[in-house]
Structure formats: C-alpha cells, structure tokens
Amino acid sequence: PAELKKNITDKTRLFIFSSPCNPTGTVYTKQELRALADVFASHPKIFIISDEIYEYINFVGEHESIAQFEEIKERVIIINGLSKGYAMTGYRLGYIAANPSVAKACEKLQGQITSGANAVTQRAAITALLSDLRPTQEMVKQFELRRQRVMDLVEEIPGIECAKPEGAFYIFPIIKSYFGKTDGETTIHNSSDLTMYLLNKGHVSTVSGSAFGDDDCIRISFANSMENIEKGFLRIKDALAKLK
C-alpha cells in the first residue's frame, strides 16, 4: 500500500494487476486486497482492472477479488475467461464483469473489432460455466504436483533463486548470476540473451523477464507433462552448466 500511494499522481486513472499473478504465481490475500482498496477509496478517479483468469489455479486457499469491497466495487473491472481454469485455450473466449456504464463502453469498442464469439465457442462456454468444477480441481492437483517437482528441479541448478508460486502455472526464477558468462560463442548480458541461449542451445522455450518489468528473471511454465518437465529442466541444467 505504501508503494502504491507513493506512485499515484494527479494523472493516475487506472491500476492493473493480477491475482493469481502471471508471472510470479503470487496470490493476494483478503487482507492485502483490503489494504489496496483502502488506498483506492481515497482516489475516486482511479479505476482498477483485476485480471482473475487464474482464479481456479490457486494452491493456497480460496480466491479473493478486490471487487468484494463496496467502496470501490463500481470502479473495479474484472477480467476472466475460459483458457486457464477450464483449459479451453483454443476457444479464445474471455469476459469482463464491470458496472453497466463501463460494460456498455467496452461493448461499443468490442463490436468494432469482432462481430462476436462463434456459436460452438458459446455453447462450449455454457457447458463449462454451468458444470461442476471437479475436472478443474483434478487439473489443479496435477499442477500442484508439477509445481513441487519444478521447485525440486530448480534447487538442483546452481545460481538460481526462486520463490514458490502460490497460483497459476509459472515460476519466475532470478537468473542474474549468469549475466556476463559465456559458453565461448554466446555471452549472456540480460534475460533476453539467456532465453535465446536456452532456446538455441537447450531447445527449451522460456520468456524473458524484461517482458514483465524484471530483467533479472525469466518465466518458465509448468503447464506440460511431468515427462516433458523433467526433460526440459535437464536441458536447462546442462545448457547453464556450459556458461563460465
């Protein structure tokens, strides 16, 4: 909250955040959201976009939304969709929850971009949203097993620090200890260099931390089979071992 207050200016009109968070996997508690809401209550011109698409992929408890606080509820815009909690990535269907004036404004804009979701996607969405969550819960159990295995594998790689994610299906390890190192052909100066090195030499795809505002990190997804996770981390470990 103190950091948030410090960065709000007379020009601030929008605050965007996600919980569970991509890329760190951080999950905001109700108390933490309450503290943020108290700040926004004093700034009535600021709207809040809350990205909650990883709502169901939560390893630490019930999902909490900042929209639950009445004093700011009308200024919260929730973003959600089917691609994460329902594993329906190819259907490309998302939605918002917002006060009617905001929703109508979004509808005007969206109507000029696409005529609407196709009928198959709409029917699939109805089935997903009205069905019970047992398949999602089983999926989350598998993600939790993969999360633990990924943390074990990270510990085996020298020079990497990583917080355990509380939600979503990513880790965001600190890899800056490899900056300045080389395998004789490639020198690593930043996270983008490292992601390209891992792709070209280890044949593993990761995402540069600079894409998320932290060049000391890279993002690694564990939305894959346990077998491929094992193979991928072995390749990462071998590739990094060649950097001196």
Protein backbone atom coordinates (compact mmCIF):
# COMPACT_ATOMS: atom_id res chain seq x y z
CA PRO A 1 0.00 0.00 0.00
CA ALA A 2 2.79 2.46 0.81
CA GLU A 3 4.45 1.81 -2.55
CA LEU A 4 1.10 2.24 -4.28
CA LYS A 5 0.43 5.56 -2.54
CA LYS A 6 3.87 6.83 -3.46
CA ASN A 7 3.33 6.19 -7.16
CA ILE A 8 -0.16 7.65 -7.53
CA THR A 9 -0.18 11.09 -9.16
CA ASP A 10 -2.87 13.54 -10.33
CA LYS A 11 -2.67 11.85 -13.73
CA THR A 12 -3.28 8.30 -12.47
CA ARG A 13 -6.54 6.90 -13.82
CA LEU A 14 -6.04 3.14 -13.96
CA PHE A 15 -4.38 0.41 -11.89
CA ILE A 16 -3.91 -3.07 -13.40
CA PHE A 17 -2.91 -6.19 -11.50
CA SER A 18 -3.47 -9.94 -11.49
CA SER A 19 -4.13 -12.48 -8.75
CA PRO A 20 -3.08 -15.25 -9.03
CA CYS A 21 -0.26 -13.45 -10.77
CA ASN A 22 1.41 -14.12 -14.09
CA PRO A 23 4.44 -14.50 -13.99
CA THR A 24 5.26 -14.88 -10.28
CA GLY A 25 2.34 -17.03 -9.12
CA THR A 26 1.69 -14.66 -6.21
CA VAL A 27 -1.83 -14.78 -4.73
CA TYR A 28 -3.17 -11.72 -2.89
CA THR A 29 -4.84 -12.40 0.45
CA LYS A 30 -8.07 -10.70 1.51
CA GLN A 31 -6.09 -8.55 3.95
CA GLU A 32 -3.69 -7.42 1.22
CA LEU A 33 -6.57 -6.57 -1.11
CA ARG A 34 -8.28 -4.71 1.72
CA ALA A 35 -5.16 -2.57 2.14
CA LEU A 36 -5.11 -1.76 -1.59
CA ALA A 37 -8.84 -0.97 -1.55
CA ASP A 38 -8.30 1.49 1.32
CA VAL A 39 -5.82 3.38 -0.86
CA PHE A 40 -8.16 3.46 -3.86
CA ALA A 41 -11.06 4.61 -1.69
CA SER A 42 -9.20 7.93 -1.32
CA HIS A 43 -8.74 8.27 -5.09
CA PRO A 44 -12.21 8.15 -6.70
CA LYS A 45 -10.90 8.86 -10.22
CA ILE A 46 -8.86 5.66 -10.40
CA PHE A 47 -10.35 2.51 -11.95
CA ILE A 48 -8.95 -0.93 -11.14
CA ILE A 49 -8.57 -3.74 -13.67
CA SER A 50 -8.31 -7.04 -11.81
CA ASP A 51 -7.09 -9.90 -14.01
CA GLU A 52 -8.52 -13.03 -12.37
CA ILE A 53 -8.12 -15.55 -15.18
CA TYR A 54 -6.08 -17.88 -12.92
CA GLU A 55 -8.88 -17.79 -10.32
CA TYR A 56 -9.15 -21.57 -10.01
CA ILE A 57 -5.43 -22.39 -10.22
CA ASN A 58 -4.77 -21.48 -6.63
CA PHE A 59 -2.67 -23.66 -4.32
CA VAL A 60 -3.09 -21.71 -1.07
CA GLY A 61 -6.80 -21.22 -0.44
CA GLU A 62 -9.97 -19.57 -1.69
CA HIS A 63 -9.84 -16.97 -4.42
CA GLU A 64 -10.32 -13.39 -3.24
CA SER A 65 -11.34 -10.50 -5.50
CA ILE A 66 -10.79 -6.81 -4.86
CA ALA A 67 -14.33 -6.26 -6.17
CA GLN A 68 -15.72 -7.52 -2.85
CA PHE A 69 -15.14 -4.13 -1.20
CA GLU A 70 -18.23 -1.97 -1.62
CA GLU A 71 -16.49 1.41 -1.52
CA ILE A 72 -14.57 0.68 -4.75
CA LYS A 73 -16.76 -2.01 -6.33
CA GLU A 74 -18.18 0.29 -9.03
CA ARG A 75 -14.66 1.11 -10.23
CA VAL A 76 -13.41 -2.47 -10.48
CA ILE A 77 -13.28 -4.22 -13.86
CA ILE A 78 -12.74 -7.97 -13.55
CA ILE A 79 -11.13 -9.78 -16.48
CA ASN A 80 -11.63 -13.52 -16.75
CA GLY A 81 -12.01 -16.25 -19.35
CA LEU A 82 -12.07 -19.95 -20.11
CA SER A 83 -8.50 -20.61 -21.20
CA LYS A 84 -6.93 -21.27 -17.78
CA GLY A 85 -9.41 -22.65 -15.24
CA TYR A 86 -11.25 -24.68 -17.89
CA ALA A 87 -8.21 -25.46 -20.10
CA MET A 88 -10.10 -24.12 -23.14
CA THR A 89 -7.26 -22.11 -24.65
CA GLY A 90 -8.22 -22.64 -28.28
CA TYR A 91 -11.74 -21.28 -27.84
CA ARG A 92 -10.41 -17.75 -27.22
CA LEU A 93 -13.34 -16.59 -25.11
CA GLY A 94 -12.95 -14.07 -22.31
CA TYR A 95 -15.30 -11.79 -20.44
CA ILE A 96 -15.42 -8.89 -18.02
CA ALA A 97 -17.53 -8.01 -15.01
CA ALA A 98 -17.97 -4.27 -14.51
CA ASN A 99 -20.55 -1.62 -13.75
CA PRO A 100 -23.06 -1.13 -16.61
CA SER A 101 -21.58 2.12 -17.93
CA VAL A 102 -18.13 0.56 -18.31
CA ALA A 103 -19.54 -2.66 -19.78
CA LYS A 104 -21.54 -0.73 -22.40
CA ALA A 105 -18.47 1.30 -23.38
CA CYS A 106 -16.47 -1.92 -23.77
CA GLU A 107 -19.28 -3.40 -25.85
CA LYS A 108 -19.11 -0.48 -28.28
CA LEU A 109 -15.38 -0.93 -28.73
CA GLN A 110 -15.52 -4.71 -28.97
CA GLY A 111 -18.29 -4.53 -31.55
CA GLN A 112 -15.94 -2.73 -33.93
CA ILE A 113 -13.20 -5.35 -33.53
CA THR A 114 -15.08 -8.62 -33.93
CA SER A 115 -18.70 -9.47 -34.61
CA GLY A 116 -18.80 -11.94 -31.73
CA ALA A 117 -17.75 -15.35 -30.47
CA ASN A 118 -18.68 -18.24 -32.74
CA ALA A 119 -21.64 -20.48 -31.84
CA VAL A 120 -19.50 -23.52 -30.99
CA THR A 121 -17.46 -21.50 -28.52
CA GLN A 122 -20.59 -20.04 -26.93
CA ARG A 123 -22.13 -23.50 -26.41
CA ALA A 124 -18.87 -24.85 -25.00
CA ALA A 125 -18.67 -21.88 -22.62
CA ILE A 126 -22.20 -22.51 -21.33
CA THR A 127 -21.31 -26.13 -20.60
CA ALA A 128 -18.07 -25.17 -18.85
CA LEU A 129 -19.59 -22.45 -16.69
CA LEU A 130 -22.63 -24.48 -15.64
CA SER A 131 -20.81 -27.75 -14.96
CA ASP A 132 -19.24 -28.69 -11.63
CA LEU A 133 -15.58 -27.93 -11.02
CA ARG A 134 -14.35 -31.47 -10.41
CA PRO A 135 -12.34 -31.65 -13.67
CA THR A 136 -10.76 -28.28 -12.84
CA GLN A 137 -9.97 -29.42 -9.31
CA GLU A 138 -8.30 -32.57 -10.64
CA MET A 139 -6.28 -30.45 -13.06
CA VAL A 140 -5.15 -28.18 -10.23
CA LYS A 141 -4.00 -31.22 -8.22
CA GLN A 142 -1.78 -32.19 -11.15
CA PHE A 143 -0.42 -28.65 -11.37
CA GLU A 144 0.39 -28.80 -7.67
CA LEU A 145 2.40 -31.99 -8.17
CA ARG A 146 4.24 -30.41 -11.09
CA ARG A 147 4.88 -27.26 -9.05
CA GLN A 148 6.61 -29.26 -6.34
CA ARG A 149 8.69 -31.20 -8.85
CA VAL A 150 9.70 -27.98 -10.61
CA MET A 151 10.83 -26.45 -7.31
CA ASP A 152 12.90 -29.58 -6.60
CA LEU A 153 14.49 -29.38 -10.05
CA VAL A 154 15.27 -25.66 -9.68
CA GLU A 155 17.13 -26.36 -6.44
CA GLU A 156 19.48 -28.64 -8.39
CA ILE A 157 20.63 -25.78 -10.65
CA PRO A 158 23.40 -23.57 -9.20
CA GLY A 159 22.95 -19.81 -9.27
CA ILE A 160 19.15 -19.71 -9.45
CA GLU A 161 16.82 -18.32 -6.78
CA CYS A 162 13.08 -18.92 -6.99
CA ALA A 163 10.04 -18.26 -4.80
CA LYS A 164 7.43 -21.00 -4.68
CA PRO A 165 4.36 -19.91 -6.70
CA GLU A 166 1.03 -19.79 -4.87
CA GLY A 167 -1.09 -19.97 -8.02
CA ALA A 168 -1.05 -20.09 -11.84
CA PHE A 169 1.45 -22.44 -13.54
CA TYR A 170 4.68 -20.49 -13.81
CA ILE A 171 7.88 -19.94 -11.90
CA PHE A 172 9.82 -16.68 -12.18
CA PRO A 173 13.37 -17.52 -11.09
CA ILE A 174 16.15 -14.97 -10.61
CA ILE A 175 18.90 -15.84 -13.09
CA LYS A 176 21.15 -12.75 -12.94
CA SER A 177 24.10 -14.81 -11.67
CA TYR A 178 24.57 -15.95 -15.27
CA PHE A 179 24.96 -12.42 -16.64
CA GLY A 180 28.45 -11.87 -18.02
CA LYS A 181 29.06 -15.58 -18.56
CA THR A 182 29.72 -17.26 -21.91
CA ASP A 183 29.90 -20.71 -23.48
CA GLY A 184 32.58 -19.47 -25.87
CA GLU A 185 30.07 -18.50 -28.55
CA THR A 186 27.31 -16.64 -26.73
CA THR A 187 27.72 -14.12 -23.91
CA ILE A 188 24.78 -13.53 -21.58
CA HIS A 189 24.12 -9.85 -20.86
CA ASN A 190 20.46 -9.94 -19.83
CA SER A 191 17.37 -12.14 -19.53
CA SER A 192 16.62 -11.91 -23.26
CA ASP A 193 20.09 -13.25 -24.05
CA LEU A 194 19.53 -16.12 -21.65
CA THR A 195 16.13 -17.07 -23.06
CA MET A 196 17.57 -17.11 -26.60
CA TYR A 197 20.56 -19.13 -25.38
CA LEU A 198 18.27 -21.71 -23.74
CA LEU A 199 16.19 -21.87 -26.92
CA ASN A 200 19.13 -22.22 -29.31
CA LYS A 201 21.40 -24.40 -27.18
CA GLY A 202 19.00 -26.22 -24.87
CA HIS A 203 15.92 -26.24 -27.14
CA VAL A 204 13.73 -25.06 -24.27
CA SER A 205 11.38 -22.10 -24.64
CA THR A 206 11.20 -19.59 -21.78
CA VAL A 207 10.13 -15.93 -21.58
CA SER A 208 12.41 -13.00 -20.81
CA GLY A 209 11.74 -11.26 -17.51
CA SER A 210 12.05 -7.91 -19.28
CA ALA A 211 8.61 -8.61 -20.76
CA PHE A 212 7.27 -8.36 -17.19
CA GLY A 213 9.45 -5.50 -15.97
CA ASP A 214 12.17 -7.53 -14.25
CA ASP A 215 15.24 -8.26 -16.35
CA ASP A 216 16.83 -10.34 -13.56
CA CYS A 217 14.30 -13.15 -14.11
CA ILE A 218 12.87 -15.48 -16.72
CA ARG A 219 9.44 -17.12 -16.78
CA ILE A 220 9.15 -20.89 -17.05
CA SER A 221 5.79 -22.61 -17.48
CA PHE A 222 4.98 -25.99 -15.95
CA ALA A 223 1.78 -26.42 -17.99
CA ASN A 224 3.19 -29.57 -19.54
CA SER A 225 3.53 -33.26 -18.78
CA MET A 226 5.79 -34.37 -15.95
CA GLU A 227 7.90 -36.24 -18.50
CA ASN A 228 8.49 -33.10 -20.58
CA ILE A 229 9.16 -31.03 -17.46
CA GLU A 230 11.89 -33.48 -16.44
CA LYS A 231 13.42 -33.37 -19.93
CA GLY A 232 13.18 -29.60 -20.12
CA PHE A 233 14.92 -28.97 -16.82
CA LEU A 234 17.66 -31.45 -17.65
CA ARG A 235 18.31 -29.47 -20.84
CA ILE A 236 18.26 -26.17 -18.92
CA LYS A 237 20.69 -27.53 -16.33
CA ASP A 238 23.08 -28.85 -19.00
CA ALA A 239 22.96 -25.62 -21.02
CA LEU A 240 23.59 -23.41 -17.98
CA ALA A 241 26.49 -25.62 -16.86
CA LYS A 242 28.32 -24.66 -20.07
CA LEU A 243 28.31 -20.97 -19.14
CA LYS A 244 31.57 -19.96 -17.48
